[in-house]
Amino acid sequence: MAGPRRRFVWELDWNLLRTFMVIVQEKGLTAAGEKLSLKQPTISNALRRLETHMDCRLIERNASHFSVTPAGQRLFSECVALFDIVSGLPQRMEQHPADLTGHIDIALASHVVCPFFDEVLAAFHRAFPQVTLSMTVASSHDVAAAVANRDASLGVCLMEERHPKLEYDLLYREAFGYFCGPRHSLFGKSDLSLSALRHEPYVSFKTDQMSGALWPVALLRQKEGFEGAVIGTSSHLEEVKRLIIAGFGFGPLPIHVVEDDVRAGRLWRLPPHVSAPMIDVHLVHDPSARRGRAEGLLLAELRQAIASRPLDERSYPGPRSERA
């Protein structure tokens, strides 16, 4: 920008342009003063100062006459265009979804297999591709602790004991079945009754107890009087499955999670084949936590999706997958 023009821009009081535009729109200094809640001498002084800056007459006026000069008409047109640009700034500065940035820490129990959850994450990523995520796998107890301690923005886990600081939304429900591996004596045998499992060695999760998150599984075990020794435990699904496949004993696993293992001959489904224990998996968050915009949006979208999708569409496997 050339020197004189630059000085003009910096020395000009831009409020004078607004005042001039209102003078022309209201067709008089008195009316303009009323519009701007200013006294007429203030309006007159503003017009004089602007004419000095422009070095030309902008309005011809006296007690009985008011008219805008050709120079004034040109300036008025420029003022209208300028104020149109300024008035549109809020809309232009609104953040486009694709511009949203941020980072979200999610803590999950091991081997969360939930197509519904994946759909929400995929839609969120399409809408906000610059937001990054960290996924940490831990026991359900540690997931809840991470959310309560604000080490994680939100969590996905079983509910062992409701934490007073946290809110829980039922994300999905999964059916657990009993399975054994190829080295087990019951592998490949059909038409077994639950009594066939009563004295068999057992492998399970650490929460497979009446006071734990897998209490429905523990209740079935108690009801059927299973007496087999507990040979191995873990907080992680993959390790429980490893011990079952290795032949340490039979144990519970989410039916839909291990379907590929059953088809591949690595696992064999044992009874019960109907009325399998159902376990609830929750979305966990701290309602009092301060969140970034990205964290708040993902949490809101997950909760809205949960509210709008019937539970039977968030239950795995569906009834058609159960063997009668």
C-alpha atoms as a PDB file:
ATOM      1  CA  MET A   1       0.000   0.000   0.000  1.00  0.00           C
ATOM      2  CA  ALA A   2       1.380   3.409  -0.990  1.00  0.00           C
ATOM      3  CA  GLY A   3       2.438   5.786   1.800  1.00  0.00           C
ATOM      4  CA  PRO A   4      -0.332   8.418   1.564  1.00  0.00           C
ATOM      5  CA  ARG A   5      -3.049   5.777   1.216  1.00  0.00           C
ATOM      6  CA  ARG A   6      -1.678   3.860   4.191  1.00  0.00           C
ATOM      7  CA  ARG A   7      -1.675   7.019   6.301  1.00  0.00           C
ATOM      8  CA  PHE A   8      -5.261   7.710   5.237  1.00  0.00           C
ATOM      9  CA  VAL A   9      -6.407   4.267   6.408  1.00  0.00           C
ATOM     10  CA  TRP A  10      -4.638   4.527   9.762  1.00  0.00           C
ATOM     11  CA  GLU A  11      -5.667   8.115  10.457  1.00  0.00           C
ATOM     12  CA  LEU A  12      -9.330   7.683   9.505  1.00  0.00           C
ATOM     13  CA  ASP A  13     -11.808   7.101  12.313  1.00  0.00           C
ATOM     14  CA  TRP A  14     -13.895   4.314  10.808  1.00  0.00           C
ATOM     15  CA  ASN A  15     -16.865   5.288  12.967  1.00  0.00           C
ATOM     16  CA  LEU A  16     -17.196   8.352  10.738  1.00  0.00           C
ATOM     17  CA  LEU A  17     -18.132   6.080   7.839  1.00  0.00           C
ATOM     18  CA  ARG A  18     -20.913   4.485   9.881  1.00  0.00           C
ATOM     19  CA  THR A  19     -22.190   7.911  10.905  1.00  0.00           C
ATOM     20  CA  PHE A  20     -22.148   9.133   7.296  1.00  0.00           C
ATOM     21  CA  MET A  21     -24.018   6.055   6.071  1.00  0.00           C
ATOM     22  CA  VAL A  22     -26.755   6.603   8.665  1.00  0.00           C
ATOM     23  CA  ILE A  23     -26.991  10.333   7.759  1.00  0.00           C
ATOM     24  CA  VAL A  24     -27.700   9.417   4.134  1.00  0.00           C
ATOM     25  CA  GLN A  25     -30.092   6.598   5.069  1.00  0.00           C
ATOM     26  CA  GLU A  26     -32.049   8.838   7.461  1.00  0.00           C
ATOM     27  CA  LYS A  27     -31.941  11.827   5.045  1.00  0.00           C
ATOM     28  CA  GLY A  28     -30.882  14.289   7.716  1.00  0.00           C
ATOM     29  CA  LEU A  29     -28.509  14.983  10.578  1.00  0.00           C
ATOM     30  CA  THR A  30     -31.220  15.233  13.232  1.00  0.00           C
ATOM     31  CA  ALA A  31     -32.772  11.892  12.285  1.00  0.00           C
ATOM     32  CA  ALA A  32     -29.311  10.310  12.141  1.00  0.00           C
ATOM     33  CA  GLY A  33     -28.601  11.585  15.653  1.00  0.00           C
ATOM     34  CA  GLU A  34     -31.794   9.981  16.921  1.00  0.00           C
ATOM     35  CA  LYS A  35     -30.906   6.704  15.191  1.00  0.00           C
ATOM     36  CA  LEU A  36     -27.431   6.649  16.721  1.00  0.00           C
ATOM     37  CA  SER A  37     -28.497   8.119  20.086  1.00  0.00           C
ATOM     38  CA  LEU A  38     -26.146  11.068  19.528  1.00  0.00           C
ATOM     39  CA  LYS A  39     -26.744  14.820  19.693  1.00  0.00           C
ATOM     40  CA  GLN A  40     -26.890  16.773  16.426  1.00  0.00           C
ATOM     41  CA  PRO A  41     -23.665  18.754  17.109  1.00  0.00           C
ATOM     42  CA  THR A  42     -21.828  15.437  17.425  1.00  0.00           C
ATOM     43  CA  ILE A  43     -23.268  14.298  14.080  1.00  0.00           C
ATOM     44  CA  SER A  44     -22.387  17.607  12.418  1.00  0.00           C
ATOM     45  CA  ASN A  45     -18.831  17.428  13.740  1.00  0.00           C
ATOM     46  CA  ALA A  46     -18.460  13.844  12.482  1.00  0.00           C
ATOM     47  CA  LEU A  47     -19.603  14.869   8.996  1.00  0.00           C
ATOM     48  CA  ARG A  48     -17.177  17.829   8.941  1.00  0.00           C
ATOM     49  CA  ARG A  49     -14.271  15.588  10.004  1.00  0.00           C
ATOM     50  CA  LEU A  50     -15.092  13.027   7.301  1.00  0.00           C
ATOM     51  CA  GLU A  51     -15.308  15.737   4.614  1.00  0.00           C
ATOM     52  CA  THR A  52     -11.901  16.982   5.772  1.00  0.00           C
ATOM     53  CA  HIS A  53     -10.456  13.460   5.447  1.00  0.00           C
ATOM     54  CA  MET A  54     -12.015  13.046   2.009  1.00  0.00           C
ATOM     55  CA  ASP A  55     -11.131  16.593   0.982  1.00  0.00           C
ATOM     56  CA  CYS A  56     -14.504  17.095  -0.673  1.00  0.00           C
ATOM     57  CA  ARG A  57     -18.075  18.115   0.036  1.00  0.00           C
ATOM     58  CA  LEU A  58     -20.258  15.059   0.754  1.00  0.00           C
ATOM     59  CA  ILE A  59     -23.599  16.626   1.650  1.00  0.00           C
ATOM     60  CA  GLU A  60     -25.159  19.976   0.750  1.00  0.00           C
ATOM     61  CA  ARG A  61     -27.257  21.120   3.654  1.00  0.00           C
ATOM     62  CA  ASN A  62     -28.825  24.178   5.208  1.00  0.00           C
ATOM     63  CA  ALA A  63     -31.929  24.851   7.247  1.00  0.00           C
ATOM     64  CA  SER A  64     -34.267  23.926   4.370  1.00  0.00           C
ATOM     65  CA  HIS A  65     -32.159  21.778   2.096  1.00  0.00           C
ATOM     66  CA  PHE A  66     -30.450  18.380   2.274  1.00  0.00           C
ATOM     67  CA  SER A  67     -28.848  16.607  -0.681  1.00  0.00           C
ATOM     68  CA  VAL A  68     -26.014  14.154  -1.181  1.00  0.00           C
ATOM     69  CA  THR A  69     -23.310  15.259  -3.603  1.00  0.00           C
ATOM     70  CA  PRO A  70     -22.054  12.934  -6.361  1.00  0.00           C
ATOM     71  CA  ALA A  71     -18.930  12.301  -4.255  1.00  0.00           C
ATOM     72  CA  GLY A  72     -21.180  11.596  -1.286  1.00  0.00           C
ATOM     73  CA  GLN A  73     -23.206   9.094  -3.339  1.00  0.00           C
ATOM     74  CA  ARG A  74     -20.038   7.254  -4.330  1.00  0.00           C
ATOM     75  CA  LEU A  75     -18.827   7.159  -0.734  1.00  0.00           C
ATOM     76  CA  PHE A  76     -22.240   5.995   0.467  1.00  0.00           C
ATOM     77  CA  SER A  77     -22.161   3.077  -1.991  1.00  0.00           C
ATOM     78  CA  GLU A  78     -18.708   2.098  -0.734  1.00  0.00           C
ATOM     79  CA  CYS A  79     -19.854   2.372   2.885  1.00  0.00           C
ATOM     80  CA  VAL A  80     -22.822   0.070   2.234  1.00  0.00           C
ATOM     81  CA  ALA A  81     -20.524  -2.477   0.589  1.00  0.00           C
ATOM     82  CA  LEU A  82     -18.016  -2.181   3.435  1.00  0.00           C
ATOM     83  CA  PHE A  83     -20.648  -2.663   6.131  1.00  0.00           C
ATOM     84  CA  ASP A  84     -22.080  -5.621   4.249  1.00  0.00           C
ATOM     85  CA  ILE A  85     -18.636  -7.243   4.434  1.00  0.00           C
ATOM     86  CA  VAL A  86     -18.283  -6.450   8.137  1.00  0.00           C
ATOM     87  CA  SER A  87     -21.776  -7.717   8.989  1.00  0.00           C
ATOM     88  CA  GLY A  88     -20.942 -11.042   7.310  1.00  0.00           C
ATOM     89  CA  LEU A  89     -17.764 -11.615   9.326  1.00  0.00           C
ATOM     90  CA  PRO A  90     -19.438 -13.732  12.073  1.00  0.00           C
ATOM     91  CA  GLN A  91     -20.777 -16.166   9.482  1.00  0.00           C
ATOM     92  CA  ARG A  92     -17.464 -16.265   7.640  1.00  0.00           C
ATOM     93  CA  MET A  93     -15.616 -16.950  10.880  1.00  0.00           C
ATOM     94  CA  GLU A  94     -17.888 -19.804  11.936  1.00  0.00           C
ATOM     95  CA  GLN A  95     -15.756 -22.913  12.144  1.00  0.00           C
ATOM     96  CA  HIS A  96     -16.325 -25.361   9.338  1.00  0.00           C
ATOM     97  CA  PRO A  97     -16.722 -28.908  10.707  1.00  0.00           C
ATOM     98  CA  ALA A  98     -13.721 -30.083   8.719  1.00  0.00           C
ATOM     99  CA  ASP A  99     -11.611 -27.408  10.453  1.00  0.00           C
ATOM    100  CA  LEU A 100     -12.309 -28.719  13.964  1.00  0.00           C
ATOM    101  CA  THR A 101      -9.189 -29.967  15.712  1.00  0.00           C
ATOM    102  CA  GLY A 102      -8.626 -31.561  19.083  1.00  0.00           C
ATOM    103  CA  HIS A 103      -7.665 -34.807  20.771  1.00  0.00           C
ATOM    104  CA  ILE A 104      -9.849 -37.371  22.531  1.00  0.00           C
ATOM    105  CA  ASP A 105      -8.618 -40.055  24.942  1.00  0.00           C
ATOM    106  CA  ILE A 106     -10.862 -43.119  25.106  1.00  0.00           C
ATOM    107  CA  ALA A 107     -10.328 -45.956  27.583  1.00  0.00           C
ATOM    108  CA  LEU A 108     -11.896 -49.316  26.719  1.00  0.00           C
ATOM    109  CA  ALA A 109     -12.241 -52.749  28.234  1.00  0.00           C
ATOM    110  CA  SER A 110     -10.459 -55.429  26.241  1.00  0.00           C
ATOM    111  CA  HIS A 111     -11.920 -56.531  22.922  1.00  0.00           C
ATOM    112  CA  VAL A 112     -14.916 -54.227  22.638  1.00  0.00           C
ATOM    113  CA  VAL A 113     -16.660 -55.557  19.525  1.00  0.00           C
ATOM    114  CA  CYS A 114     -19.647 -53.334  18.790  1.00  0.00           C
ATOM    115  CA  PRO A 115     -20.540 -52.428  15.182  1.00  0.00           C
ATOM    116  CA  PHE A 116     -22.889 -49.738  16.502  1.00  0.00           C
ATOM    117  CA  PHE A 117     -20.013 -48.020  18.336  1.00  0.00           C
ATOM    118  CA  ASP A 118     -17.818 -48.319  15.245  1.00  0.00           C
ATOM    119  CA  GLU A 119     -20.509 -46.688  13.087  1.00  0.00           C
ATOM    120  CA  VAL A 120     -20.621 -43.632  15.355  1.00  0.00           C
ATOM    121  CA  LEU A 121     -16.819 -43.333  15.367  1.00  0.00           C
ATOM    122  CA  ALA A 122     -16.717 -43.627  11.568  1.00  0.00           C
ATOM    123  CA  ALA A 123     -19.367 -40.925  11.105  1.00  0.00           C
ATOM    124  CA  PHE A 124     -17.548 -38.662  13.567  1.00  0.00           C
ATOM    125  CA  HIS A 125     -14.269 -39.078  11.686  1.00  0.00           C
ATOM    126  CA  ARG A 126     -15.938 -38.283   8.350  1.00  0.00           C
ATOM    127  CA  ALA A 127     -17.367 -35.088   9.830  1.00  0.00           C
ATOM    128  CA  PHE A 128     -14.230 -34.053  11.742  1.00  0.00           C
ATOM    129  CA  PRO A 129     -11.228 -35.636  10.004  1.00  0.00           C
ATOM    130  CA  GLN A 130      -8.630 -33.545  11.855  1.00  0.00           C
ATOM    131  CA  VAL A 131      -9.627 -34.696  15.350  1.00  0.00           C
ATOM    132  CA  THR A 132      -7.222 -37.319  16.727  1.00  0.00           C
ATOM    133  CA  LEU A 133      -7.997 -40.195  19.099  1.00  0.00           C
ATOM    134  CA  SER A 134      -6.022 -42.295  21.571  1.00  0.00           C
ATOM    135  CA  MET A 135      -7.484 -45.686  22.512  1.00  0.00           C
ATOM    136  CA  THR A 136      -6.224 -47.322  25.713  1.00  0.00           C
ATOM    137  CA  VAL A 137      -7.217 -50.873  26.708  1.00  0.00           C
ATOM    138  CA  ALA A 138      -7.563 -51.666  30.413  1.00  0.00           C
ATOM    139  CA  SER A 139      -9.709 -53.613  32.850  1.00  0.00           C
ATOM    140  CA  SER A 140     -13.230 -52.268  33.363  1.00  0.00           C
ATOM    141  CA  HIS A 141     -12.229 -51.118  36.858  1.00  0.00           C
ATOM    142  CA  ASP A 142      -9.257 -49.185  35.473  1.00  0.00           C
ATOM    143  CA  VAL A 143     -11.359 -47.706  32.655  1.00  0.00           C
ATOM    144  CA  ALA A 144     -13.808 -46.214  35.161  1.00  0.00           C
ATOM    145  CA  ALA A 145     -10.897 -44.951  37.280  1.00  0.00           C
ATOM    146  CA  ALA A 146      -9.287 -43.303  34.241  1.00  0.00           C
ATOM    147  CA  VAL A 147     -12.501 -41.428  33.442  1.00  0.00           C
ATOM    148  CA  ALA A 148     -13.015 -40.431  37.085  1.00  0.00           C
ATOM    149  CA  ASN A 149      -9.406 -39.184  37.296  1.00  0.00           C
ATOM    150  CA  ARG A 150      -9.832 -37.405  33.937  1.00  0.00           C
ATOM    151  CA  ASP A 151      -7.046 -39.395  32.336  1.00  0.00           C
ATOM    152  CA  ALA A 152      -9.619 -40.352  29.694  1.00  0.00           C
ATOM    153  CA  SER A 153     -12.368 -38.267  28.101  1.00  0.00           C
ATOM    154  CA  LEU A 154     -14.777 -41.189  28.115  1.00  0.00           C
ATOM    155  CA  GLY A 155     -14.733 -44.940  28.624  1.00  0.00           C
ATOM    156  CA  VAL A 156     -16.345 -48.143  27.399  1.00  0.00           C
ATOM    157  CA  CYS A 157     -16.525 -50.872  30.022  1.00  0.00           C
ATOM    158  CA  LEU A 158     -18.561 -53.234  32.141  1.00  0.00           C
ATOM    159  CA  MET A 159     -19.982 -51.770  35.320  1.00  0.00           C
ATOM    160  CA  GLU A 160     -18.545 -53.496  38.368  1.00  0.00           C
ATOM    161  CA  GLU A 161     -19.713 -50.883  40.852  1.00  0.00           C
ATOM    162  CA  ARG A 162     -21.342 -47.579  39.977  1.00  0.00           C
ATOM    163  CA  HIS A 163     -18.893 -44.737  40.578  1.00  0.00           C
ATOM    164  CA  PRO A 164     -20.678 -41.765  42.210  1.00  0.00           C
ATOM    165  CA  LYS A 165     -18.877 -39.222  39.978  1.00  0.00           C
ATOM    166  CA  LEU A 166     -19.709 -40.939  36.691  1.00  0.00           C
ATOM    167  CA  GLU A 167     -22.706 -41.352  34.412  1.00  0.00           C
ATOM    168  CA  TYR A 168     -23.333 -44.651  32.632  1.00  0.00           C
ATOM    169  CA  ASP A 169     -25.177 -45.129  29.334  1.00  0.00           C
ATOM    170  CA  LEU A 170     -25.928 -48.672  28.160  1.00  0.00           C
ATOM    171  CA  LEU A 171     -23.893 -48.822  24.956  1.00  0.00           C
ATOM    172  CA  TYR A 172     -24.575 -52.428  23.987  1.00  0.00           C
ATOM    173  CA  ARG A 173     -25.451 -55.837  25.398  1.00  0.00           C
ATOM    174  CA  GLU A 174     -23.560 -59.041  24.641  1.00  0.00           C
ATOM    175  CA  ALA A 175     -24.390 -62.691  25.262  1.00  0.00           C
ATOM    176  CA  PHE A 176     -21.754 -64.901  26.873  1.00  0.00           C
ATOM    177  CA  GLY A 177     -21.390 -68.578  26.105  1.00  0.00           C
ATOM    178  CA  TYR A 178     -19.116 -71.334  27.357  1.00  0.00           C
ATOM    179  CA  PHE A 179     -16.342 -72.543  25.069  1.00  0.00           C
ATOM    180  CA  CYS A 180     -13.526 -75.063  25.040  1.00  0.00           C
ATOM    181  CA  GLY A 181     -10.490 -75.535  22.804  1.00  0.00           C
ATOM    182  CA  PRO A 182      -9.384 -78.427  20.542  1.00  0.00           C
ATOM    183  CA  ARG A 183      -7.360 -80.042  23.357  1.00  0.00           C
ATOM    184  CA  HIS A 184     -10.391 -80.316  25.642  1.00  0.00           C
ATOM    185  CA  SER A 185     -12.173 -83.654  26.035  1.00  0.00           C
ATOM    186  CA  LEU A 186     -15.548 -82.070  25.214  1.00  0.00           C
ATOM    187  CA  PHE A 187     -14.386 -80.418  21.983  1.00  0.00           C
ATOM    188  CA  GLY A 188     -16.593 -81.393  19.037  1.00  0.00           C
ATOM    189  CA  LYS A 189     -19.221 -83.109  21.173  1.00  0.00           C
ATOM    190  CA  SER A 190     -22.844 -82.174  20.581  1.00  0.00           C
ATOM    191  CA  ASP A 191     -25.992 -82.654  22.656  1.00  0.00           C
ATOM    192  CA  LEU A 192     -24.167 -82.053  25.916  1.00  0.00           C
ATOM    193  CA  SER A 193     -26.004 -80.954  29.031  1.00  0.00           C
ATOM    194  CA  LEU A 194     -24.751 -78.387  31.498  1.00  0.00           C
ATOM    195  CA  SER A 195     -24.104 -81.199  33.950  1.00  0.00           C
ATOM    196  CA  ALA A 196     -21.271 -82.366  31.679  1.00  0.00           C
ATOM    197  CA  LEU A 197     -19.369 -79.218  32.668  1.00  0.00           C
ATOM    198  CA  ARG A 198     -19.883 -79.544  36.415  1.00  0.00           C
ATOM    199  CA  HIS A 199     -16.471 -80.966  37.318  1.00  0.00           C
ATOM    200  CA  GLU A 200     -14.402 -79.608  34.428  1.00  0.00           C
ATOM    201  CA  PRO A 201     -11.465 -77.220  35.077  1.00  0.00           C
ATOM    202  CA  TYR A 202     -12.471 -73.605  34.549  1.00  0.00           C
ATOM    203  CA  VAL A 203     -10.882 -70.498  33.017  1.00  0.00           C
ATOM    204  CA  SER A 204     -12.468 -67.067  33.315  1.00  0.00           C
ATOM    205  CA  PHE A 205     -12.268 -63.335  33.918  1.00  0.00           C
ATOM    206  CA  LYS A 206     -11.356 -61.848  37.273  1.00  0.00           C
ATOM    207  CA  THR A 207     -14.812 -60.266  37.433  1.00  0.00           C
ATOM    208  CA  ASP A 208     -16.562 -63.648  37.096  1.00  0.00           C
ATOM    209  CA  GLN A 209     -17.953 -63.548  40.640  1.00  0.00           C
ATOM    210  CA  MET A 210     -21.216 -62.531  42.244  1.00  0.00           C
ATOM    211  CA  SER A 211     -19.811 -59.139  43.242  1.00  0.00           C
ATOM    212  CA  GLY A 212     -18.247 -58.500  39.828  1.00  0.00           C
ATOM    213  CA  ALA A 213     -19.375 -57.198  36.453  1.00  0.00           C
ATOM    214  CA  LEU A 214     -19.829 -60.753  35.111  1.00  0.00           C
ATOM    215  CA  TRP A 215     -22.216 -61.723  37.898  1.00  0.00           C
ATOM    216  CA  PRO A 216     -24.782 -63.218  35.438  1.00  0.00           C
ATOM    217  CA  VAL A 217     -22.091 -65.714  34.373  1.00  0.00           C
ATOM    218  CA  ALA A 218     -21.173 -66.376  38.003  1.00  0.00           C
ATOM    219  CA  LEU A 219     -24.853 -66.852  38.843  1.00  0.00           C
ATOM    220  CA  LEU A 220     -25.230 -69.525  36.156  1.00  0.00           C
ATOM    221  CA  ARG A 221     -22.115 -71.278  37.432  1.00  0.00           C
ATOM    222  CA  GLN A 222     -23.461 -71.165  40.974  1.00  0.00           C
ATOM    223  CA  LYS A 223     -26.932 -72.305  39.930  1.00  0.00           C
ATOM    224  CA  GLU A 224     -25.547 -75.322  38.049  1.00  0.00           C
ATOM    225  CA  GLY A 225     -23.199 -76.222  40.879  1.00  0.00           C
ATOM    226  CA  PHE A 226     -19.957 -76.099  38.872  1.00  0.00           C
ATOM    227  CA  GLU A 227     -17.199 -77.505  41.063  1.00  0.00           C
ATOM    228  CA  GLY A 228     -14.209 -77.584  38.707  1.00  0.00           C
ATOM    229  CA  ALA A 229     -11.035 -75.872  39.836  1.00  0.00           C
ATOM    230  CA  VAL A 230     -10.341 -72.388  38.485  1.00  0.00           C
ATOM    231  CA  ILE A 231      -7.088 -72.944  36.567  1.00  0.00           C
ATOM    232  CA  GLY A 232      -6.581 -69.485  35.035  1.00  0.00           C
ATOM    233  CA  THR A 233      -7.930 -65.930  35.134  1.00  0.00           C
ATOM    234  CA  SER A 234      -7.264 -62.647  33.360  1.00  0.00           C
ATOM    235  CA  SER A 235      -8.782 -59.189  32.950  1.00  0.00           C
ATOM    236  CA  HIS A 236      -8.246 -59.377  29.184  1.00  0.00           C
ATOM    237  CA  LEU A 237     -10.423 -61.323  26.799  1.00  0.00           C
ATOM    238  CA  GLU A 238      -7.568 -62.368  24.519  1.00  0.00           C
ATOM    239  CA  GLU A 239      -5.726 -63.995  27.412  1.00  0.00           C
ATOM    240  CA  VAL A 240      -8.810 -65.848  28.645  1.00  0.00           C
ATOM    241  CA  LYS A 241      -9.323 -67.100  25.104  1.00  0.00           C
ATOM    242  CA  ARG A 242      -5.661 -68.108  24.877  1.00  0.00           C
ATOM    243  CA  LEU A 243      -5.960 -70.284  27.994  1.00  0.00           C
ATOM    244  CA  ILE A 244      -9.183 -71.877  26.730  1.00  0.00           C
ATOM    245  CA  ILE A 245      -7.664 -72.713  23.336  1.00  0.00           C
ATOM    246  CA  ALA A 246      -4.549 -74.051  25.069  1.00  0.00           C
ATOM    247  CA  GLY A 247      -6.706 -76.554  26.964  1.00  0.00           C
ATOM    248  CA  PHE A 248      -6.456 -75.200  30.511  1.00  0.00           C
ATOM    249  CA  GLY A 249     -10.216 -75.554  30.857  1.00  0.00           C
ATOM    250  CA  PHE A 250     -13.517 -74.300  29.490  1.00  0.00           C
ATOM    251  CA  GLY A 251     -14.688 -70.748  30.070  1.00  0.00           C
ATOM    252  CA  PRO A 252     -17.026 -67.880  29.164  1.00  0.00           C
ATOM    253  CA  LEU A 253     -16.518 -65.618  26.151  1.00  0.00           C
ATOM    254  CA  PRO A 254     -18.770 -63.142  24.277  1.00  0.00           C
ATOM    255  CA  ILE A 255     -20.475 -65.229  21.590  1.00  0.00           C
ATOM    256  CA  HIS A 256     -20.278 -62.657  18.796  1.00  0.00           C
ATOM    257  CA  VAL A 257     -16.623 -61.860  19.498  1.00  0.00           C
ATOM    258  CA  VAL A 258     -15.401 -65.437  18.956  1.00  0.00           C
ATOM    259  CA  GLU A 259     -17.607 -66.437  16.000  1.00  0.00           C
ATOM    260  CA  ASP A 260     -14.574 -66.547  13.689  1.00  0.00           C
ATOM    261  CA  ASP A 261     -12.690 -68.749  16.162  1.00  0.00           C
ATOM    262  CA  VAL A 262     -15.600 -71.196  16.226  1.00  0.00           C
ATOM    263  CA  ARG A 263     -15.782 -71.301  12.421  1.00  0.00           C
ATOM    264  CA  ALA A 264     -12.016 -71.835  12.228  1.00  0.00           C
ATOM    265  CA  GLY A 265     -12.136 -74.755  14.681  1.00  0.00           C
ATOM    266  CA  ARG A 266     -10.174 -73.005  17.421  1.00  0.00           C
ATOM    267  CA  LEU A 267     -13.139 -72.998  19.821  1.00  0.00           C
ATOM    268  CA  TRP A 268     -16.187 -75.164  20.416  1.00  0.00           C
ATOM    269  CA  ARG A 269     -19.460 -73.806  21.812  1.00  0.00           C
ATOM    270  CA  LEU A 270     -20.689 -75.629  24.902  1.00  0.00           C
ATOM    271  CA  PRO A 271     -24.122 -75.410  26.557  1.00  0.00           C
ATOM    272  CA  PRO A 272     -26.218 -73.483  27.292  1.00  0.00           C
ATOM    273  CA  HIS A 273     -27.229 -72.690  23.712  1.00  0.00           C
ATOM    274  CA  VAL A 274     -30.331 -70.726  24.756  1.00  0.00           C
ATOM    275  CA  SER A 275     -30.877 -68.217  27.558  1.00  0.00           C
ATOM    276  CA  ALA A 276     -27.195 -67.340  27.590  1.00  0.00           C
ATOM    277  CA  PRO A 277     -26.080 -64.850  30.270  1.00  0.00           C
ATOM    278  CA  MET A 278     -26.334 -61.252  29.041  1.00  0.00           C
ATOM    279  CA  ILE A 279     -23.730 -58.655  29.993  1.00  0.00           C
ATOM    280  CA  ASP A 280     -24.171 -54.885  29.657  1.00  0.00           C
ATOM    281  CA  VAL A 281     -21.334 -52.732  28.331  1.00  0.00           C
ATOM    282  CA  HIS A 282     -21.540 -49.036  29.180  1.00  0.00           C
ATOM    283  CA  LEU A 283     -20.392 -45.701  27.835  1.00  0.00           C
ATOM    284  CA  VAL A 284     -18.944 -43.889  30.856  1.00  0.00           C
ATOM    285  CA  HIS A 285     -18.274 -40.178  31.309  1.00  0.00           C
ATOM    286  CA  ASP A 286     -17.816 -37.597  34.043  1.00  0.00           C
ATOM    287  CA  PRO A 287     -20.619 -35.013  33.702  1.00  0.00           C
ATOM    288  CA  SER A 288     -18.646 -32.436  35.711  1.00  0.00           C
ATOM    289  CA  ALA A 289     -15.513 -32.627  33.543  1.00  0.00           C
ATOM    290  CA  ARG A 290     -14.515 -29.661  31.399  1.00  0.00           C
ATOM    291  CA  ARG A 291     -14.263 -30.821  27.799  1.00  0.00           C
ATOM    292  CA  GLY A 292     -12.814 -29.526  24.590  1.00  0.00           C
ATOM    293  CA  ARG A 293     -15.227 -29.032  21.710  1.00  0.00           C
ATOM    294  CA  ALA A 294     -14.180 -32.266  20.003  1.00  0.00           C
ATOM    295  CA  GLU A 295     -14.670 -34.303  23.189  1.00  0.00           C
ATOM    296  CA  GLY A 296     -18.067 -32.757  23.803  1.00  0.00           C
ATOM    297  CA  LEU A 297     -19.225 -33.397  20.250  1.00  0.00           C
ATOM    298  CA  LEU A 298     -18.219 -37.072  20.247  1.00  0.00           C
ATOM    299  CA  LEU A 299     -19.858 -37.682  23.619  1.00  0.00           C
ATOM    300  CA  ALA A 300     -23.040 -35.930  22.457  1.00  0.00           C
ATOM    301  CA  GLU A 301     -23.154 -37.940  19.232  1.00  0.00           C
ATOM    302  CA  LEU A 302     -22.637 -41.232  21.071  1.00  0.00           C
ATOM    303  CA  ARG A 303     -25.374 -40.462  23.592  1.00  0.00           C
ATOM    304  CA  GLN A 304     -27.757 -39.283  20.887  1.00  0.00           C
ATOM    305  CA  ALA A 305     -27.106 -42.461  18.879  1.00  0.00           C
ATOM    306  CA  ILE A 306     -27.726 -44.605  21.966  1.00  0.00           C
ATOM    307  CA  ALA A 307     -31.005 -42.805  22.662  1.00  0.00           C
ATOM    308  CA  SER A 308     -32.222 -43.227  19.087  1.00  0.00           C
ATOM    309  CA  ARG A 309     -31.280 -46.903  18.548  1.00  0.00           C
ATOM    310  CA  PRO A 310     -33.393 -49.634  20.224  1.00  0.00           C
ATOM    311  CA  LEU A 311     -31.456 -51.920  22.557  1.00  0.00           C
ATOM    312  CA  ASP A 312     -32.238 -55.033  20.522  1.00  0.00           C
ATOM    313  CA  GLU A 313     -30.311 -53.418  17.647  1.00  0.00           C
ATOM    314  CA  ARG A 314     -27.389 -52.941  20.031  1.00  0.00           C
ATOM    315  CA  SER A 315     -27.430 -56.510  21.354  1.00  0.00           C
ATOM    316  CA  TYR A 316     -25.011 -59.168  20.104  1.00  0.00           C
ATOM    317  CA  PRO A 317     -25.545 -61.703  18.778  1.00  0.00           C
ATOM    318  CA  GLY A 318     -29.113 -61.107  17.635  1.00  0.00           C
ATOM    319  CA  PRO A 319     -31.802 -63.728  18.316  1.00  0.00           C
ATOM    320  CA  ARG A 320     -31.344 -65.269  14.873  1.00  0.00           C
ATOM    321  CA  SER A 321     -27.743 -66.101  15.733  1.00  0.00           C
ATOM    322  CA  GLU A 322     -28.645 -68.133  18.797  1.00  0.00           C
ATOM    323  CA  ARG A 323     -28.810 -71.891  18.353  1.00  0.00           C
ATOM    324  CA  ALA A 324     -31.971 -73.519  19.646  1.00  0.00           C
END
